[in-house]
C-alpha atoms as a PDB file:
ATOM      1  CA  MET A   1       0.000   0.000   0.000  1.00  0.00           C
ATOM      2  CA  ASP A   2       1.309   3.432  -0.954  1.00  0.00           C
ATOM      3  CA  LEU A   3       1.281   5.587   2.196  1.00  0.00           C
ATOM      4  CA  GLY A   4       1.963   8.762   0.235  1.00  0.00           C
ATOM      5  CA  ILE A   5       5.383   9.385   1.759  1.00  0.00           C
ATOM      6  CA  ILE A   6       7.679   8.252  -1.041  1.00  0.00           C
ATOM      7  CA  ASN A   7      10.722  10.570  -1.203  1.00  0.00           C
ATOM      8  CA  LYS A   8       9.673  12.447   1.931  1.00  0.00           C
ATOM      9  CA  VAL A   9      12.696  13.366   4.056  1.00  0.00           C
ATOM     10  CA  ALA A  10      12.456  11.800   7.515  1.00  0.00           C
ATOM     11  CA  LEU A  11      14.672  12.524  10.509  1.00  0.00           C
ATOM     12  CA  VAL A  12      14.634   9.959  13.322  1.00  0.00           C
ATOM     13  CA  THR A  13      16.468  10.915  16.501  1.00  0.00           C
ATOM     14  CA  GLY A  14      17.968   8.086  18.492  1.00  0.00           C
ATOM     15  CA  GLY A  15      17.563   6.296  15.188  1.00  0.00           C
ATOM     16  CA  ALA A  16      20.460   3.832  15.224  1.00  0.00           C
ATOM     17  CA  ARG A  17      19.257   1.437  17.924  1.00  0.00           C
ATOM     18  CA  GLY A  18      16.153  -0.215  19.336  1.00  0.00           C
ATOM     19  CA  ILE A  19      12.832   1.414  18.503  1.00  0.00           C
ATOM     20  CA  GLY A  20      14.521   4.202  16.554  1.00  0.00           C
ATOM     21  CA  LEU A  21      16.306   1.732  14.309  1.00  0.00           C
ATOM     22  CA  ALA A  22      13.040  -0.106  13.600  1.00  0.00           C
ATOM     23  CA  ILE A  23      11.384   3.211  12.717  1.00  0.00           C
ATOM     24  CA  ALA A  24      14.215   4.212  10.387  1.00  0.00           C
ATOM     25  CA  GLU A  25      14.075   0.841   8.626  1.00  0.00           C
ATOM     26  CA  ARG A  26      10.290   0.978   8.221  1.00  0.00           C
ATOM     27  CA  LEU A  27      10.295   4.500   6.812  1.00  0.00           C
ATOM     28  CA  VAL A  28      12.928   3.457   4.277  1.00  0.00           C
ATOM     29  CA  GLU A  29      10.689   0.549   3.274  1.00  0.00           C
ATOM     30  CA  GLU A  30       7.886   3.067   2.691  1.00  0.00           C
ATOM     31  CA  GLY A  31      10.075   5.062   0.333  1.00  0.00           C
ATOM     32  CA  CYS A  32      11.303   7.854   2.588  1.00  0.00           C
ATOM     33  CA  GLN A  33      14.765   9.348   2.502  1.00  0.00           C
ATOM     34  CA  VAL A  34      15.770   8.705   6.098  1.00  0.00           C
ATOM     35  CA  VAL A  35      18.407  10.270   8.312  1.00  0.00           C
ATOM     36  CA  ALA A  36      19.054   8.579  11.650  1.00  0.00           C
ATOM     37  CA  ALA A  37      20.675  10.821  14.259  1.00  0.00           C
ATOM     38  CA  ASP A  38      22.387   9.346  17.296  1.00  0.00           C
ATOM     39  CA  ILE A  39      24.861  10.566  19.891  1.00  0.00           C
ATOM     40  CA  ASP A  40      26.892   7.339  19.582  1.00  0.00           C
ATOM     41  CA  GLU A  41      29.203   7.793  16.625  1.00  0.00           C
ATOM     42  CA  HIS A  42      29.757   4.032  16.432  1.00  0.00           C
ATOM     43  CA  ALA A  43      26.051   3.161  16.245  1.00  0.00           C
ATOM     44  CA  GLY A  44      25.795   3.892  12.545  1.00  0.00           C
ATOM     45  CA  HIS A  45      26.986   0.370  11.696  1.00  0.00           C
ATOM     46  CA  ASN A  46      23.555  -0.890  12.812  1.00  0.00           C
ATOM     47  CA  LEU A  47      21.826   0.902   9.964  1.00  0.00           C
ATOM     48  CA  PRO A  48      21.024  -0.387   6.489  1.00  0.00           C
ATOM     49  CA  SER A  49      22.913   1.324   3.689  1.00  0.00           C
ATOM     50  CA  GLU A  50      19.777   3.192   2.581  1.00  0.00           C
ATOM     51  CA  VAL A  51      19.694   5.166   5.842  1.00  0.00           C
ATOM     52  CA  SER A  52      21.977   8.180   6.251  1.00  0.00           C
ATOM     53  CA  PHE A  53      23.651   8.563   9.631  1.00  0.00           C
ATOM     54  CA  ALA A  54      24.426  11.737  11.557  1.00  0.00           C
ATOM     55  CA  VAL A  55      26.082  12.136  14.927  1.00  0.00           C
ATOM     56  CA  CYS A  56      24.177  14.611  17.076  1.00  0.00           C
ATOM     57  CA  ASP A  57      23.628  15.413  20.730  1.00  0.00           C
ATOM     58  CA  VAL A  58      19.985  16.455  20.509  1.00  0.00           C
ATOM     59  CA  SER A  59      20.144  18.061  23.941  1.00  0.00           C
ATOM     60  CA  ASP A  60      22.415  20.740  22.430  1.00  0.00           C
ATOM     61  CA  GLU A  61      20.532  23.444  20.517  1.00  0.00           C
ATOM     62  CA  SER A  62      23.466  24.353  18.277  1.00  0.00           C
ATOM     63  CA  GLU A  63      23.972  20.721  17.286  1.00  0.00           C
ATOM     64  CA  CYS A  64      20.267  20.440  16.436  1.00  0.00           C
ATOM     65  CA  GLU A  65      20.545  23.489  14.193  1.00  0.00           C
ATOM     66  CA  GLU A  66      23.683  22.100  12.521  1.00  0.00           C
ATOM     67  CA  LEU A  67      21.985  18.742  11.977  1.00  0.00           C
ATOM     68  CA  LEU A  68      18.946  20.257  10.276  1.00  0.00           C
ATOM     69  CA  ASN A  69      21.103  22.496   8.101  1.00  0.00           C
ATOM     70  CA  ALA A  70      23.210  19.523   7.029  1.00  0.00           C
ATOM     71  CA  VAL A  71      20.141  17.423   6.207  1.00  0.00           C
ATOM     72  CA  ALA A  72      18.628  20.282   4.191  1.00  0.00           C
ATOM     73  CA  ASP A  73      21.875  20.833   2.267  1.00  0.00           C
ATOM     74  CA  GLN A  74      22.533  17.155   1.535  1.00  0.00           C
ATOM     75  CA  ILE A  75      19.021  15.722   1.073  1.00  0.00           C
ATOM     76  CA  GLY A  76      16.350  18.370   1.575  1.00  0.00           C
ATOM     77  CA  PRO A  77      14.308  19.968   4.358  1.00  0.00           C
ATOM     78  CA  VAL A  78      12.752  17.607   6.886  1.00  0.00           C
ATOM     79  CA  ASP A  79       9.182  16.539   6.090  1.00  0.00           C
ATOM     80  CA  ILE A  80       8.794  13.958   8.880  1.00  0.00           C
ATOM     81  CA  LEU A  81      10.343  14.480  12.315  1.00  0.00           C
ATOM     82  CA  VAL A  82      10.359  11.523  14.696  1.00  0.00           C
ATOM     83  CA  ASN A  83      11.445  12.583  18.187  1.00  0.00           C
ATOM     84  CA  ASN A  84      12.586   9.232  19.554  1.00  0.00           C
ATOM     85  CA  ALA A  85      15.869  10.031  21.321  1.00  0.00           C
ATOM     86  CA  GLY A  86      15.748   9.404  25.028  1.00  0.00           C
ATOM     87  CA  ILE A  87      17.420   7.939  28.069  1.00  0.00           C
ATOM     88  CA  GLN A  88      16.010   6.034  31.002  1.00  0.00           C
ATOM     89  CA  SER A  89      16.587   6.520  34.694  1.00  0.00           C
ATOM     90  CA  VAL A  90      15.460   4.109  37.384  1.00  0.00           C
ATOM     91  CA  LEU A  91      16.472   6.210  40.374  1.00  0.00           C
ATOM     92  CA  SER A  92      13.866   6.490  43.101  1.00  0.00           C
ATOM     93  CA  LEU A  93      12.498   9.876  44.095  1.00  0.00           C
ATOM     94  CA  GLU A  94      14.795   9.825  47.125  1.00  0.00           C
ATOM     95  CA  GLU A  95      17.863   8.811  45.125  1.00  0.00           C
ATOM     96  CA  ALA A  96      17.400  11.198  42.212  1.00  0.00           C
ATOM     97  CA  THR A  97      19.435  14.374  42.029  1.00  0.00           C
ATOM     98  CA  LEU A  98      18.634  17.649  40.333  1.00  0.00           C
ATOM     99  CA  GLU A  99      21.375  16.827  37.819  1.00  0.00           C
ATOM    100  CA  ASP A 100      19.655  13.539  36.929  1.00  0.00           C
ATOM    101  CA  TRP A 101      16.289  15.274  36.629  1.00  0.00           C
ATOM    102  CA  GLU A 102      17.582  18.022  34.335  1.00  0.00           C
ATOM    103  CA  ARG A 103      19.582  15.610  32.153  1.00  0.00           C
ATOM    104  CA  VAL A 104      16.610  13.314  31.516  1.00  0.00           C
ATOM    105  CA  ILE A 105      14.218  16.201  30.847  1.00  0.00           C
ATOM    106  CA  ARG A 106      16.652  17.887  28.462  1.00  0.00           C
ATOM    107  CA  ILE A 107      17.392  14.774  26.408  1.00  0.00           C
ATOM    108  CA  ASN A 108      13.881  13.303  26.390  1.00  0.00           C
ATOM    109  CA  LEU A 109      11.700  16.405  26.186  1.00  0.00           C
ATOM    110  CA  THR A 110      13.620  19.615  25.556  1.00  0.00           C
ATOM    111  CA  SER A 111      15.247  18.087  22.472  1.00  0.00           C
ATOM    112  CA  ALA A 112      11.807  17.413  20.980  1.00  0.00           C
ATOM    113  CA  PHE A 113      10.771  20.993  21.695  1.00  0.00           C
ATOM    114  CA  MET A 114      13.900  22.407  20.061  1.00  0.00           C
ATOM    115  CA  LEU A 115      13.658  20.276  16.933  1.00  0.00           C
ATOM    116  CA  SER A 116       9.920  20.878  16.561  1.00  0.00           C
ATOM    117  CA  LYS A 117      10.432  24.623  16.932  1.00  0.00           C
ATOM    118  CA  LEU A 118      13.084  24.504  14.214  1.00  0.00           C
ATOM    119  CA  VAL A 119      11.228  22.379  11.642  1.00  0.00           C
ATOM    120  CA  VAL A 120       7.523  23.209  11.997  1.00  0.00           C
ATOM    121  CA  PRO A 121       7.607  26.769  10.572  1.00  0.00           C
ATOM    122  CA  GLU A 122       9.366  25.507   7.437  1.00  0.00           C
ATOM    123  CA  MET A 123       6.936  22.589   7.149  1.00  0.00           C
ATOM    124  CA  LYS A 124       4.046  25.048   7.290  1.00  0.00           C
ATOM    125  CA  ARG A 125       5.611  27.179   4.565  1.00  0.00           C
ATOM    126  CA  ARG A 126       5.913  24.110   2.337  1.00  0.00           C
ATOM    127  CA  GLY A 127       2.336  23.065   3.151  1.00  0.00           C
ATOM    128  CA  TRP A 128       2.995  19.601   4.608  1.00  0.00           C
ATOM    129  CA  GLY A 129       4.658  18.054   7.620  1.00  0.00           C
ATOM    130  CA  ARG A 130       4.523  15.385  10.285  1.00  0.00           C
ATOM    131  CA  VAL A 131       5.859  15.454  13.843  1.00  0.00           C
ATOM    132  CA  ILE A 132       5.693  12.125  15.671  1.00  0.00           C
ATOM    133  CA  ASN A 133       6.840  11.881  19.277  1.00  0.00           C
ATOM    134  CA  ILE A 134       7.716   8.681  21.095  1.00  0.00           C
ATOM    135  CA  ALA A 135       6.186   8.965  24.562  1.00  0.00           C
ATOM    136  CA  SER A 136       5.562   6.153  27.075  1.00  0.00           C
ATOM    137  CA  MET A 137       2.840   4.671  29.224  1.00  0.00           C
ATOM    138  CA  ALA A 138       4.957   5.895  32.147  1.00  0.00           C
ATOM    139  CA  GLY A 139       3.846   9.403  31.239  1.00  0.00           C
ATOM    140  CA  LYS A 140       0.254   8.429  31.983  1.00  0.00           C
ATOM    141  CA  VAL A 141       0.639   6.288  35.098  1.00  0.00           C
ATOM    142  CA  GLY A 142       3.917   7.454  36.635  1.00  0.00           C
ATOM    143  CA  GLY A 143       7.052   5.381  36.770  1.00  0.00           C
ATOM    144  CA  LEU A 144       6.266   1.718  37.412  1.00  0.00           C
ATOM    145  CA  THR A 145       9.861   0.712  36.742  1.00  0.00           C
ATOM    146  CA  VAL A 146      11.427   4.080  35.882  1.00  0.00           C
ATOM    147  CA  SER A 147      12.180   7.358  37.619  1.00  0.00           C
ATOM    148  CA  ALA A 148      10.006  10.402  38.196  1.00  0.00           C
ATOM    149  CA  SER A 149      12.189  12.304  35.726  1.00  0.00           C
ATOM    150  CA  TYR A 150      11.528   9.780  32.958  1.00  0.00           C
ATOM    151  CA  ALA A 151       7.791   9.618  33.620  1.00  0.00           C
ATOM    152  CA  THR A 152       7.583  13.405  33.719  1.00  0.00           C
ATOM    153  CA  SER A 153       9.522  13.780  30.480  1.00  0.00           C
ATOM    154  CA  LYS A 154       7.082  11.459  28.722  1.00  0.00           C
ATOM    155  CA  ALA A 155       4.042  13.205  30.197  1.00  0.00           C
ATOM    156  CA  GLY A 156       5.533  16.446  28.928  1.00  0.00           C
ATOM    157  CA  MET A 157       5.981  14.859  25.505  1.00  0.00           C
ATOM    158  CA  MET A 158       2.213  14.338  25.317  1.00  0.00           C
ATOM    159  CA  GLY A 159       1.570  17.991  26.161  1.00  0.00           C
ATOM    160  CA  LEU A 160       4.156  19.118  23.630  1.00  0.00           C
ATOM    161  CA  THR A 161       2.507  16.931  21.004  1.00  0.00           C
ATOM    162  CA  LYS A 162      -0.809  18.738  21.460  1.00  0.00           C
ATOM    163  CA  SER A 163       0.765  22.184  21.513  1.00  0.00           C
ATOM    164  CA  VAL A 164       2.654  21.475  18.284  1.00  0.00           C
ATOM    165  CA  ALA A 165      -0.555  20.097  16.744  1.00  0.00           C
ATOM    166  CA  ARG A 166      -2.284  23.425  17.371  1.00  0.00           C
ATOM    167  CA  ALA A 167       0.685  25.508  16.255  1.00  0.00           C
ATOM    168  CA  GLY A 168       1.259  23.446  13.130  1.00  0.00           C
ATOM    169  CA  ALA A 169      -2.338  23.230  11.934  1.00  0.00           C
ATOM    170  CA  PRO A 170      -3.604  22.909   9.320  1.00  0.00           C
ATOM    171  CA  GLU A 171      -0.496  22.029   7.305  1.00  0.00           C
ATOM    172  CA  VAL A 172       1.373  19.992   9.937  1.00  0.00           C
ATOM    173  CA  THR A 173       0.066  17.171  12.095  1.00  0.00           C
ATOM    174  CA  SER A 174       1.609  16.211  15.423  1.00  0.00           C
ATOM    175  CA  ASN A 175       0.924  12.938  17.228  1.00  0.00           C
ATOM    176  CA  ALA A 176       2.514  10.765  19.877  1.00  0.00           C
ATOM    177  CA  VAL A 177       3.026   7.023  20.135  1.00  0.00           C
ATOM    178  CA  CYS A 178       2.859   5.724  23.688  1.00  0.00           C
ATOM    179  CA  PRO A 179       4.484   2.283  24.082  1.00  0.00           C
ATOM    180  CA  ALA A 180       4.920   0.078  27.132  1.00  0.00           C
ATOM    181  CA  PHE A 181       7.266  -2.874  27.616  1.00  0.00           C
ATOM    182  CA  ILE A 182       8.884  -3.237  24.207  1.00  0.00           C
ATOM    183  CA  ALA A 183      11.443  -5.977  23.551  1.00  0.00           C
ATOM    184  CA  THR A 184      14.933  -4.857  22.565  1.00  0.00           C
ATOM    185  CA  PRO A 185      18.200  -6.828  22.393  1.00  0.00           C
ATOM    186  CA  MET A 186      18.911  -5.677  25.959  1.00  0.00           C
ATOM    187  CA  THR A 187      15.635  -7.017  27.408  1.00  0.00           C
ATOM    188  CA  ASP A 188      16.191  -9.632  30.108  1.00  0.00           C
ATOM    189  CA  PRO A 189      14.242 -12.816  29.162  1.00  0.00           C
ATOM    190  CA  GLU A 190      13.117 -13.334  32.763  1.00  0.00           C
ATOM    191  CA  MET A 191      11.795  -9.788  33.000  1.00  0.00           C
ATOM    192  CA  GLU A 192      10.137 -10.189  29.598  1.00  0.00           C
ATOM    193  CA  ALA A 193       8.226 -13.203  30.897  1.00  0.00           C
ATOM    194  CA  GLU A 194       7.241 -11.307  34.038  1.00  0.00           C
ATOM    195  CA  TYR A 195       5.952  -8.336  32.068  1.00  0.00           C
ATOM    196  CA  ALA A 196       4.093 -10.610  29.657  1.00  0.00           C
ATOM    197  CA  ARG A 197       2.072 -12.086  32.514  1.00  0.00           C
ATOM    198  CA  GLN A 198       0.644  -8.637  33.239  1.00  0.00           C
ATOM    199  CA  ILE A 199      -0.370  -7.869  29.647  1.00  0.00           C
ATOM    200  CA  PRO A 200      -3.771  -8.999  28.289  1.00  0.00           C
ATOM    201  CA  VAL A 201      -2.385 -10.003  24.871  1.00  0.00           C
ATOM    202  CA  GLY A 202       0.126 -12.214  26.649  1.00  0.00           C
ATOM    203  CA  ARG A 203       3.416 -10.776  25.400  1.00  0.00           C
ATOM    204  CA  ILE A 204       5.461  -7.610  25.284  1.00  0.00           C
ATOM    205  CA  GLY A 205       5.622  -5.493  22.151  1.00  0.00           C
ATOM    206  CA  ARG A 206       8.111  -5.479  19.302  1.00  0.00           C
ATOM    207  CA  PRO A 207       9.950  -2.427  17.944  1.00  0.00           C
ATOM    208  CA  GLU A 208       8.497  -3.185  14.521  1.00  0.00           C
ATOM    209  CA  GLU A 209       4.996  -2.607  15.900  1.00  0.00           C
ATOM    210  CA  ILE A 210       5.957   0.870  17.083  1.00  0.00           C
ATOM    211  CA  ALA A 211       7.511   1.512  13.680  1.00  0.00           C
ATOM    212  CA  ALA A 212       4.295   0.500  11.916  1.00  0.00           C
ATOM    213  CA  ALA A 213       2.316   3.000  13.995  1.00  0.00           C
ATOM    214  CA  VAL A 214       4.817   5.742  13.163  1.00  0.00           C
ATOM    215  CA  ALA A 215       4.603   4.957   9.447  1.00  0.00           C
ATOM    216  CA  PHE A 216       0.814   5.174   9.619  1.00  0.00           C
ATOM    217  CA  LEU A 217       0.883   8.518  11.426  1.00  0.00           C
ATOM    218  CA  ALA A 218       3.311   9.848   8.842  1.00  0.00           C
ATOM    219  CA  SER A 219       1.079   8.734   5.985  1.00  0.00           C
ATOM    220  CA  ASP A 220      -1.683  10.416   4.030  1.00  0.00           C
ATOM    221  CA  LEU A 221      -4.058   7.915   5.679  1.00  0.00           C
ATOM    222  CA  ALA A 222      -3.570   9.793   8.959  1.00  0.00           C
ATOM    223  CA  ALA A 223      -4.023  13.303   7.557  1.00  0.00           C
ATOM    224  CA  TYR A 224      -7.141  13.865   9.707  1.00  0.00           C
ATOM    225  CA  ILE A 225      -5.411  12.816  12.945  1.00  0.00           C
ATOM    226  CA  THR A 226      -3.527  15.377  15.018  1.00  0.00           C
ATOM    227  CA  GLY A 227      -2.904  16.002  18.709  1.00  0.00           C
ATOM    228  CA  GLU A 228      -3.516  12.337  19.523  1.00  0.00           C
ATOM    229  CA  VAL A 229      -1.675   9.903  21.779  1.00  0.00           C
ATOM    230  CA  PHE A 230      -1.676   6.344  20.412  1.00  0.00           C
ATOM    231  CA  ASP A 231      -1.321   3.637  23.058  1.00  0.00           C
ATOM    232  CA  LEU A 232       0.615   0.498  22.142  1.00  0.00           C
ATOM    233  CA  ASN A 233       0.691  -1.574  25.286  1.00  0.00           C
ATOM    234  CA  GLY A 234      -1.132  -4.840  24.613  1.00  0.00           C
ATOM    235  CA  GLY A 235      -4.043  -3.734  26.795  1.00  0.00           C
ATOM    236  CA  LEU A 236      -1.944  -3.124  29.901  1.00  0.00           C
ATOM    237  CA  LEU A 237      -3.505   0.346  30.184  1.00  0.00           C
ATOM    238  CA  MET A 238      -6.976   0.829  28.754  1.00  0.00           C
ATOM    239  CA  ASP A 239      -8.104   4.464  28.963  1.00  0.00           C
END
């Protein structure tokens, strides 16, 4: 099925590993010209040859600006922005420091604000754009297994999604994908089994399932959807 995004330029932050890698691969399959940005300069070897790789610390505003300028010069202006970059923290409220709090918020949330602020006006001028944010169920229920800083950053991502949806309308849509318990190469098999017992569908999710949701939200099929938070959690949270 043609999703209407052939030759669209897509930027996926945190795009060289885990969920970001799956998103980059899926968007390439749909015909996009994809740039995966990651802070780890060695992570580019994970990517298929069709995906361009850029090293970027998305918590640094100047690096974000340099990244977007480089993408525009080499490929074209960004049509699809996927704000996926993020870090986890499992520190308890008592253990967490202000430094931990500010680091998680800046990488997980402030980076999405900065990149959205930089790309949305140009998307509006061109008459088309998609912003897709990777949030988390933790943003709705608080940190079950993660810190207050992580949960707060993902709750903030949902609010940012709606604000960008209003600011970008009608030319640009903005939506969030809200996963819970997704399998990655680092997932402990014992913990995976424990999580699966709590989930109505009987298993944890796959990165490819998050990628499919992102591809849909980027597509012409989703042109009437904006400001929404899509849950992908196997029924663990039904709201």
